[in-house]
Amino acid sequence: GAGDESKEYLITETEEIKTVSIYTGFDFEKCLSLDMRTFKCLFRDAFIYQMKQTEEGRAYLEDCWILEWTQPDRKDLRENFGGDIV
């Protein structure tokens, strides 16, 4: 549940490696031999793949995407609230 990440007994040292290993089929040694950029790209893809498997995960990914927006959707704001949006 929420906040589980802060519970010391749930902290793992190799979870990212395991995630990449499952996603790619690579053993830990192969995962550890990857350059950092490739490893992080595979980890990101593996995480997104895992999240896409459930409705809750897809909703989470959509929320993350929305939170990345840096510019307001002026057209949508005008449609919802009317008036001149600067």
PDB file of N, CA and C in Angstrom:
ATOM      1  N   GLY A   1       0.807  -1.185   0.000  1.00  0.00           N
ATOM      2  CA  GLY A   1       0.000   0.000   0.000  1.00  0.00           C
ATOM      3  C   GLY A   1       0.857   1.257   0.000  1.00  0.00           C
ATOM      4  N   ALA A   2       0.227   2.382   0.076  1.00  0.00           N
ATOM      5  CA  ALA A   2       0.935   3.668   0.092  1.00  0.00           C
ATOM      6  C   ALA A   2       1.824   3.749   1.315  1.00  0.00           C
ATOM      7  N   GLY A   3       3.009   4.244   1.128  1.00  0.00           N
ATOM      8  CA  GLY A   3       3.953   4.404   2.227  1.00  0.00           C
ATOM      9  C   GLY A   3       4.798   3.185   2.508  1.00  0.00           C
ATOM     10  N   ASP A   4       4.537   2.066   1.816  1.00  0.00           N
ATOM     11  CA  ASP A   4       5.315   0.850   2.058  1.00  0.00           C
ATOM     12  C   ASP A   4       6.803   1.053   1.788  1.00  0.00           C
ATOM     13  N   GLU A   5       7.121   1.947   0.847  1.00  0.00           N
ATOM     14  CA  GLU A   5       8.510   2.150   0.467  1.00  0.00           C
ATOM     15  C   GLU A   5       9.356   2.627   1.637  1.00  0.00           C
ATOM     16  N   SER A   6       8.755   3.290   2.621  1.00  0.00           N
ATOM     17  CA  SER A   6       9.514   3.836   3.735  1.00  0.00           C
ATOM     18  C   SER A   6       9.723   2.823   4.854  1.00  0.00           C
ATOM     19  N   LYS A   7       9.092   1.672   4.786  1.00  0.00           N
ATOM     20  CA  LYS A   7       9.250   0.653   5.821  1.00  0.00           C
ATOM     21  C   LYS A   7      10.553  -0.098   5.567  1.00  0.00           C
ATOM     22  N   GLU A   8      11.469   0.026   6.512  1.00  0.00           N
ATOM     23  CA  GLU A   8      12.823  -0.509   6.347  1.00  0.00           C
ATOM     24  C   GLU A   8      12.842  -1.988   5.969  1.00  0.00           C
ATOM     25  N   TYR A   9      11.954  -2.779   6.525  1.00  0.00           N
ATOM     26  CA  TYR A   9      11.949  -4.211   6.242  1.00  0.00           C
ATOM     27  C   TYR A   9      11.493  -4.551   4.826  1.00  0.00           C
ATOM     28  N   LEU A  10      10.992  -3.562   4.087  1.00  0.00           N
ATOM     29  CA  LEU A  10      10.573  -3.794   2.698  1.00  0.00           C
ATOM     30  C   LEU A  10      11.586  -3.296   1.675  1.00  0.00           C
ATOM     31  N   ILE A  11      12.664  -2.667   2.130  1.00  0.00           N
ATOM     32  CA  ILE A  11      13.671  -2.123   1.226  1.00  0.00           C
ATOM     33  C   ILE A  11      14.522  -3.259   0.671  1.00  0.00           C
ATOM     34  N   THR A  12      14.692  -3.272  -0.641  1.00  0.00           N
ATOM     35  CA  THR A  12      15.519  -4.286  -1.294  1.00  0.00           C
ATOM     36  C   THR A  12      16.678  -3.617  -2.013  1.00  0.00           C
ATOM     37  N   GLU A  13      17.737  -4.353  -2.188  1.00  0.00           N
ATOM     38  CA  GLU A  13      18.923  -3.833  -2.874  1.00  0.00           C
ATOM     39  C   GLU A  13      18.964  -4.234  -4.347  1.00  0.00           C
ATOM     40  N   THR A  14      18.234  -5.279  -4.717  1.00  0.00           N
ATOM     41  CA  THR A  14      18.358  -5.821  -6.076  1.00  0.00           C
ATOM     42  C   THR A  14      17.041  -5.836  -6.850  1.00  0.00           C
ATOM     43  N   GLU A  15      16.042  -5.124  -6.360  1.00  0.00           N
ATOM     44  CA  GLU A  15      14.724  -5.158  -6.997  1.00  0.00           C
ATOM     45  C   GLU A  15      14.760  -4.656  -8.439  1.00  0.00           C
ATOM     46  N   GLU A  16      15.509  -3.594  -8.703  1.00  0.00           N
ATOM     47  CA  GLU A  16      15.598  -3.092 -10.081  1.00  0.00           C
ATOM     48  C   GLU A  16      16.254  -4.122 -10.988  1.00  0.00           C
ATOM     49  N   ILE A  17      17.278  -4.787 -10.483  1.00  0.00           N
ATOM     50  CA  ILE A  17      17.959  -5.815 -11.284  1.00  0.00           C
ATOM     51  C   ILE A  17      16.997  -6.959 -11.569  1.00  0.00           C
ATOM     52  N   LYS A  18      16.243  -7.384 -10.558  1.00  0.00           N
ATOM     53  CA  LYS A  18      15.276  -8.470 -10.738  1.00  0.00           C
ATOM     54  C   LYS A  18      14.218  -8.077 -11.768  1.00  0.00           C
ATOM     55  N   THR A  19      13.752  -6.837 -11.710  1.00  0.00           N
ATOM     56  CA  THR A  19      12.751  -6.357 -12.655  1.00  0.00           C
ATOM     57  C   THR A  19      13.281  -6.414 -14.080  1.00  0.00           C
ATOM     58  N   VAL A  20      14.513  -5.935 -14.290  1.00  0.00           N
ATOM     59  CA  VAL A  20      15.123  -5.972 -15.622  1.00  0.00           C
ATOM     60  C   VAL A  20      15.364  -7.418 -16.046  1.00  0.00           C
ATOM     61  N   SER A  21      15.788  -8.268 -15.120  1.00  0.00           N
ATOM     62  CA  SER A  21      16.045  -9.666 -15.420  1.00  0.00           C
ATOM     63  C   SER A  21      14.781 -10.370 -15.912  1.00  0.00           C
ATOM     64  N   ILE A  22      13.683 -10.163 -15.203  1.00  0.00           N
ATOM     65  CA  ILE A  22      12.412 -10.775 -15.598  1.00  0.00           C
ATOM     66  C   ILE A  22      11.967 -10.254 -16.967  1.00  0.00           C
ATOM     67  N   TYR A  23      12.082  -8.957 -17.170  1.00  0.00           N
ATOM     68  CA  TYR A  23      11.633  -8.326 -18.411  1.00  0.00           C
ATOM     69  C   TYR A  23      12.459  -8.781 -19.613  1.00  0.00           C
ATOM     70  N   THR A  24      13.787  -8.902 -19.431  1.00  0.00           N
ATOM     71  CA  THR A  24      14.669  -9.219 -20.557  1.00  0.00           C
ATOM     72  C   THR A  24      15.021 -10.696 -20.675  1.00  0.00           C
ATOM     73  N   GLY A  25      14.907 -11.420 -19.572  1.00  0.00           N
ATOM     74  CA  GLY A  25      15.387 -12.806 -19.561  1.00  0.00           C
ATOM     75  C   GLY A  25      16.874 -12.899 -19.271  1.00  0.00           C
ATOM     76  N   PHE A  26      17.532 -11.761 -19.029  1.00  0.00           N
ATOM     77  CA  PHE A  26      18.963 -11.745 -18.700  1.00  0.00           C
ATOM     78  C   PHE A  26      19.155 -12.221 -17.268  1.00  0.00           C
ATOM     79  N   ASP A  27      20.278 -12.906 -17.021  1.00  0.00           N
ATOM     80  CA  ASP A  27      20.610 -13.222 -15.641  1.00  0.00           C
ATOM     81  C   ASP A  27      21.181 -11.970 -14.967  1.00  0.00           C
ATOM     82  N   PHE A  28      21.363 -12.037 -13.647  1.00  0.00           N
ATOM     83  CA  PHE A  28      21.837 -10.864 -12.911  1.00  0.00           C
ATOM     84  C   PHE A  28      23.189 -10.385 -13.435  1.00  0.00           C
ATOM     85  N   GLU A  29      24.070 -11.313 -13.759  1.00  0.00           N
ATOM     86  CA  GLU A  29      25.405 -10.925 -14.251  1.00  0.00           C
ATOM     87  C   GLU A  29      25.288 -10.104 -15.532  1.00  0.00           C
ATOM     88  N   LYS A  30      24.445 -10.543 -16.454  1.00  0.00           N
ATOM     89  CA  LYS A  30      24.240  -9.805 -17.694  1.00  0.00           C
ATOM     90  C   LYS A  30      23.627  -8.431 -17.409  1.00  0.00           C
ATOM     91  N   CYS A  31      22.648  -8.384 -16.521  1.00  0.00           N
ATOM     92  CA  CYS A  31      22.030  -7.102 -16.157  1.00  0.00           C
ATOM     93  C   CYS A  31      23.073  -6.150 -15.590  1.00  0.00           C
ATOM     94  N   LEU A  32      23.948  -6.659 -14.732  1.00  0.00           N
ATOM     95  CA  LEU A  32      24.970  -5.823 -14.108  1.00  0.00           C
ATOM     96  C   LEU A  32      26.046  -5.383 -15.092  1.00  0.00           C
ATOM     97  N   SER A  33      26.162  -6.071 -16.217  1.00  0.00           N
ATOM     98  CA  SER A  33      27.171  -5.699 -17.208  1.00  0.00           C
ATOM     99  C   SER A  33      26.672  -4.624 -18.177  1.00  0.00           C
ATOM    100  N   LEU A  34      25.377  -4.321 -18.122  1.00  0.00           N
ATOM    101  CA  LEU A  34      24.814  -3.293 -19.006  1.00  0.00           C
ATOM    102  C   LEU A  34      25.301  -1.913 -18.580  1.00  0.00           C
ATOM    103  N   ASP A  35      25.466  -1.016 -19.562  1.00  0.00           N
ATOM    104  CA  ASP A  35      25.778   0.360 -19.191  1.00  0.00           C
ATOM    105  C   ASP A  35      24.543   0.953 -18.518  1.00  0.00           C
ATOM    106  N   MET A  36      24.771   1.977 -17.711  1.00  0.00           N
ATOM    107  CA  MET A  36      23.696   2.542 -16.886  1.00  0.00           C
ATOM    108  C   MET A  36      22.518   3.051 -17.723  1.00  0.00           C
ATOM    109  N   ARG A  37      22.795   3.684 -18.845  1.00  0.00           N
ATOM    110  CA  ARG A  37      21.723   4.217 -19.686  1.00  0.00           C
ATOM    111  C   ARG A  37      20.823   3.094 -20.205  1.00  0.00           C
ATOM    112  N   THR A  38      21.431   2.022 -20.674  1.00  0.00           N
ATOM    113  CA  THR A  38      20.659   0.879 -21.176  1.00  0.00           C
ATOM    114  C   THR A  38      19.873   0.234 -20.047  1.00  0.00           C
ATOM    115  N   PHE A  39      20.519   0.058 -18.901  1.00  0.00           N
ATOM    116  CA  PHE A  39      19.853  -0.561 -17.757  1.00  0.00           C
ATOM    117  C   PHE A  39      18.634   0.262 -17.337  1.00  0.00           C
ATOM    118  N   LYS A  40      18.809   1.575 -17.198  1.00  0.00           N
ATOM    119  CA  LYS A  40      17.702   2.423 -16.759  1.00  0.00           C
ATOM    120  C   LYS A  40      16.582   2.460 -17.797  1.00  0.00           C
ATOM    121  N   CYS A  41      16.924   2.427 -19.068  1.00  0.00           N
ATOM    122  CA  CYS A  41      15.915   2.379 -20.128  1.00  0.00           C
ATOM    123  C   CYS A  41      15.110   1.076 -20.025  1.00  0.00           C
ATOM    124  N   LEU A  42      15.800  -0.038 -19.835  1.00  0.00           N
ATOM    125  CA  LEU A  42      15.119  -1.328 -19.692  1.00  0.00           C
ATOM    126  C   LEU A  42      14.272  -1.364 -18.430  1.00  0.00           C
ATOM    127  N   PHE A  43      14.781  -0.784 -17.334  1.00  0.00           N
ATOM    128  CA  PHE A  43      14.010  -0.756 -16.093  1.00  0.00           C
ATOM    129  C   PHE A  43      12.729   0.056 -16.279  1.00  0.00           C
ATOM    130  N   ARG A  44      12.852   1.210 -16.923  1.00  0.00           N
ATOM    131  CA  ARG A  44      11.679   2.057 -17.185  1.00  0.00           C
ATOM    132  C   ARG A  44      10.655   1.293 -18.023  1.00  0.00           C
ATOM    133  N   ASP A  45      11.121   0.664 -19.094  1.00  0.00           N
ATOM    134  CA  ASP A  45      10.216  -0.091 -19.959  1.00  0.00           C
ATOM    135  C   ASP A  45       9.565  -1.250 -19.201  1.00  0.00           C
ATOM    136  N   ALA A  46      10.342  -1.948 -18.370  1.00  0.00           N
ATOM    137  CA  ALA A  46       9.812  -3.065 -17.589  1.00  0.00           C
ATOM    138  C   ALA A  46       8.748  -2.580 -16.612  1.00  0.00           C
ATOM    139  N   PHE A  47       9.002  -1.442 -15.970  1.00  0.00           N
ATOM    140  CA  PHE A  47       8.042  -0.887 -15.029  1.00  0.00           C
ATOM    141  C   PHE A  47       6.740  -0.525 -15.742  1.00  0.00           C
ATOM    142  N   ILE A  48       6.861   0.159 -16.877  1.00  0.00           N
ATOM    143  CA  ILE A  48       5.668   0.541 -17.635  1.00  0.00           C
ATOM    144  C   ILE A  48       4.923  -0.707 -18.102  1.00  0.00           C
ATOM    145  N   TYR A  49       5.654  -1.704 -18.579  1.00  0.00           N
ATOM    146  CA  TYR A  49       5.026  -2.950 -19.018  1.00  0.00           C
ATOM    147  C   TYR A  49       4.239  -3.588 -17.871  1.00  0.00           C
ATOM    148  N   GLN A  50       4.854  -3.656 -16.687  1.00  0.00           N
ATOM    149  CA  GLN A  50       4.165  -4.235 -15.527  1.00  0.00           C
ATOM    150  C   GLN A  50       2.912  -3.455 -15.185  1.00  0.00           C
ATOM    151  N   MET A  51       2.999  -2.136 -15.202  1.00  0.00           N
ATOM    152  CA  MET A  51       1.865  -1.305 -14.824  1.00  0.00           C
ATOM    153  C   MET A  51       0.720  -1.424 -15.828  1.00  0.00           C
ATOM    154  N   LYS A  52       1.032  -1.627 -17.099  1.00  0.00           N
ATOM    155  CA  LYS A  52       0.002  -1.732 -18.134  1.00  0.00           C
ATOM    156  C   LYS A  52      -0.843  -2.994 -17.995  1.00  0.00           C
ATOM    157  N   GLN A  53      -0.433  -3.930 -17.156  1.00  0.00           N
ATOM    158  CA  GLN A  53      -1.135  -5.201 -17.047  1.00  0.00           C
ATOM    159  C   GLN A  53      -2.432  -5.110 -16.247  1.00  0.00           C
ATOM    160  N   THR A  54      -2.619  -4.028 -15.470  1.00  0.00           N
ATOM    161  CA  THR A  54      -3.834  -3.886 -14.671  1.00  0.00           C
ATOM    162  C   THR A  54      -4.487  -2.523 -14.932  1.00  0.00           C
ATOM    163  N   GLU A  55      -5.772  -2.457 -14.655  1.00  0.00           N
ATOM    164  CA  GLU A  55      -6.497  -1.191 -14.796  1.00  0.00           C
ATOM    165  C   GLU A  55      -5.926  -0.140 -13.846  1.00  0.00           C
ATOM    166  N   GLU A  56      -5.615  -0.554 -12.626  1.00  0.00           N
ATOM    167  CA  GLU A  56      -5.046   0.379 -11.645  1.00  0.00           C
ATOM    168  C   GLU A  56      -3.687   0.893 -12.116  1.00  0.00           C
ATOM    169  N   GLY A  57      -2.891   0.003 -12.694  1.00  0.00           N
ATOM    170  CA  GLY A  57      -1.582   0.397 -13.203  1.00  0.00           C
ATOM    171  C   GLY A  57      -1.696   1.371 -14.363  1.00  0.00           C
ATOM    172  N   ARG A  58      -2.623   1.123 -15.261  1.00  0.00           N
ATOM    173  CA  ARG A  58      -2.832   2.037 -16.393  1.00  0.00           C
ATOM    174  C   ARG A  58      -3.285   3.410 -15.893  1.00  0.00           C
ATOM    175  N   ALA A  59      -4.148   3.429 -14.878  1.00  0.00           N
ATOM    176  CA  ALA A  59      -4.592   4.705 -14.302  1.00  0.00           C
ATOM    177  C   ALA A  59      -3.414   5.434 -13.670  1.00  0.00           C
ATOM    178  N   TYR A  60      -2.542   4.697 -12.986  1.00  0.00           N
ATOM    179  CA  TYR A  60      -1.349   5.296 -12.381  1.00  0.00           C
ATOM    180  C   TYR A  60      -0.454   5.912 -13.447  1.00  0.00           C
ATOM    181  N   LEU A  61      -0.225   5.186 -14.543  1.00  0.00           N
ATOM    182  CA  LEU A  61       0.605   5.704 -15.632  1.00  0.00           C
ATOM    183  C   LEU A  61      -0.005   6.966 -16.236  1.00  0.00           C
ATOM    184  N   GLU A  62      -1.324   6.977 -16.389  1.00  0.00           N
ATOM    185  CA  GLU A  62      -1.977   8.167 -16.927  1.00  0.00           C
ATOM    186  C   GLU A  62      -1.806   9.352 -15.975  1.00  0.00           C
ATOM    187  N   ASP A  63      -1.955   9.100 -14.669  1.00  0.00           N
ATOM    188  CA  ASP A  63      -1.746  10.161 -13.676  1.00  0.00           C
ATOM    189  C   ASP A  63      -0.320  10.695 -13.759  1.00  0.00           C
ATOM    190  N   CYS A  64       0.650   9.806 -13.909  1.00  0.00           N
ATOM    191  CA  CYS A  64       2.050  10.238 -14.030  1.00  0.00           C
ATOM    192  C   CYS A  64       2.242  11.098 -15.269  1.00  0.00           C
ATOM    193  N   TRP A  65       1.637  10.690 -16.368  1.00  0.00           N
ATOM    194  CA  TRP A  65       1.758  11.437 -17.622  1.00  0.00           C
ATOM    195  C   TRP A  65       1.164  12.831 -17.451  1.00  0.00           C
ATOM    196  N   ILE A  66       0.000  12.901 -16.825  1.00  0.00           N
ATOM    197  CA  ILE A  66      -0.646  14.194 -16.603  1.00  0.00           C
ATOM    198  C   ILE A  66       0.231  15.087 -15.731  1.00  0.00           C
ATOM    199  N   LEU A  67       0.849  14.537 -14.707  1.00  0.00           N
ATOM    200  CA  LEU A  67       1.692  15.320 -13.804  1.00  0.00           C
ATOM    201  C   LEU A  67       2.949  15.851 -14.483  1.00  0.00           C
ATOM    202  N   GLU A  68       3.343  15.255 -15.607  1.00  0.00           N
ATOM    203  CA  GLU A  68       4.515  15.722 -16.344  1.00  0.00           C
ATOM    204  C   GLU A  68       4.225  16.956 -17.179  1.00  0.00           C
ATOM    205  N   TRP A  69       2.965  17.273 -17.414  1.00  0.00           N
ATOM    206  CA  TRP A  69       2.618  18.435 -18.232  1.00  0.00           C
ATOM    207  C   TRP A  69       3.187  19.688 -17.605  1.00  0.00           C
ATOM    208  N   THR A  70       3.799  20.521 -18.422  1.00  0.00           N
ATOM    209  CA  THR A  70       4.341  21.779 -17.922  1.00  0.00           C
ATOM    210  C   THR A  70       3.583  22.978 -18.472  1.00  0.00           C
ATOM    211  N   GLN A  71       2.809  22.766 -19.499  1.00  0.00           N
ATOM    212  CA  GLN A  71       2.023  23.848 -20.100  1.00  0.00           C
ATOM    213  C   GLN A  71       0.541  23.550 -19.914  1.00  0.00           C
ATOM    214  N   PRO A  72      -0.262  24.563 -19.598  1.00  0.00           N
ATOM    215  CA  PRO A  72      -1.701  24.331 -19.455  1.00  0.00           C
ATOM    216  C   PRO A  72      -2.351  24.021 -20.802  1.00  0.00           C
ATOM    217  N   ASP A  73      -3.399  23.246 -20.778  1.00  0.00           N
ATOM    218  CA  ASP A  73      -4.192  22.959 -21.975  1.00  0.00           C
ATOM    219  C   ASP A  73      -5.229  24.070 -22.100  1.00  0.00           C
ATOM    220  N   ARG A  74      -4.840  25.152 -22.767  1.00  0.00           N
ATOM    221  CA  ARG A  74      -5.682  26.331 -22.850  1.00  0.00           C
ATOM    222  C   ARG A  74      -7.037  26.055 -23.510  1.00  0.00           C
ATOM    223  N   LYS A  75      -7.042  25.235 -24.553  1.00  0.00           N
ATOM    224  CA  LYS A  75      -8.299  24.905 -25.240  1.00  0.00           C
ATOM    225  C   LYS A  75      -9.258  24.219 -24.270  1.00  0.00           C
ATOM    226  N   ASP A  76      -8.768  23.239 -23.531  1.00  0.00           N
ATOM    227  CA  ASP A  76      -9.601  22.521 -22.575  1.00  0.00           C
ATOM    228  C   ASP A  76     -10.074  23.451 -21.455  1.00  0.00           C
ATOM    229  N   LEU A  77      -9.204  24.337 -20.996  1.00  0.00           N
ATOM    230  CA  LEU A  77      -9.589  25.290 -19.960  1.00  0.00           C
ATOM    231  C   LEU A  77     -10.704  26.215 -20.441  1.00  0.00           C
ATOM    232  N   ARG A  78     -10.574  26.692 -21.686  1.00  0.00           N
ATOM    233  CA  ARG A  78     -11.621  27.565 -22.240  1.00  0.00           C
ATOM    234  C   ARG A  78     -12.957  26.829 -22.348  1.00  0.00           C
ATOM    235  N   GLU A  79     -12.888  25.562 -22.785  1.00  0.00           N
ATOM    236  CA  GLU A  79     -14.124  24.781 -22.928  1.00  0.00           C
ATOM    237  C   GLU A  79     -14.784  24.549 -21.564  1.00  0.00           C
ATOM    238  N   ASN A  80     -13.986  24.322 -20.547  1.00  0.00           N
ATOM    239  CA  ASN A  80     -14.530  24.018 -19.218  1.00  0.00           C
ATOM    240  C   ASN A  80     -14.919  25.256 -18.423  1.00  0.00           C
ATOM    241  N   PHE A  81     -14.171  26.345 -18.592  1.00  0.00           N
ATOM    242  CA  PHE A  81     -14.383  27.501 -17.741  1.00  0.00           C
ATOM    243  C   PHE A  81     -14.780  28.762 -18.511  1.00  0.00           C
ATOM    244  N   GLY A  82     -14.663  28.738 -19.833  1.00  0.00           N
ATOM    245  CA  GLY A  82     -15.024  29.885 -20.648  1.00  0.00           C
ATOM    246  C   GLY A  82     -14.074  31.046 -20.460  1.00  0.00           C
ATOM    247  N   GLY A  83     -14.320  32.124 -21.163  1.00  0.00           N
ATOM    248  CA  GLY A  83     -13.503  33.310 -21.007  1.00  0.00           C
ATOM    249  C   GLY A  83     -12.175  33.222 -21.701  1.00  0.00           C
ATOM    250  N   ASP A  84     -11.396  34.272 -21.514  1.00  0.00           N
ATOM    251  CA  ASP A  84     -10.081  34.362 -22.117  1.00  0.00           C
ATOM    252  C   ASP A  84      -9.037  33.855 -21.143  1.00  0.00           C
ATOM    253  N   ILE A  85      -8.394  32.798 -21.494  1.00  0.00           N
ATOM    254  CA  ILE A  85      -7.313  32.232 -20.691  1.00  0.00           C
ATOM    255  C   ILE A  85      -6.012  32.677 -21.306  1.00  0.00           C
ATOM    256  N   VAL A  86      -5.188  33.326 -20.543  1.00  0.00           N
ATOM    257  CA  VAL A  86      -3.907  33.832 -21.049  1.00  0.00           C
ATOM    258  C   VAL A  86      -2.935  32.715 -21.179  1.00  0.00           C
TER     259      VAL A  86
END
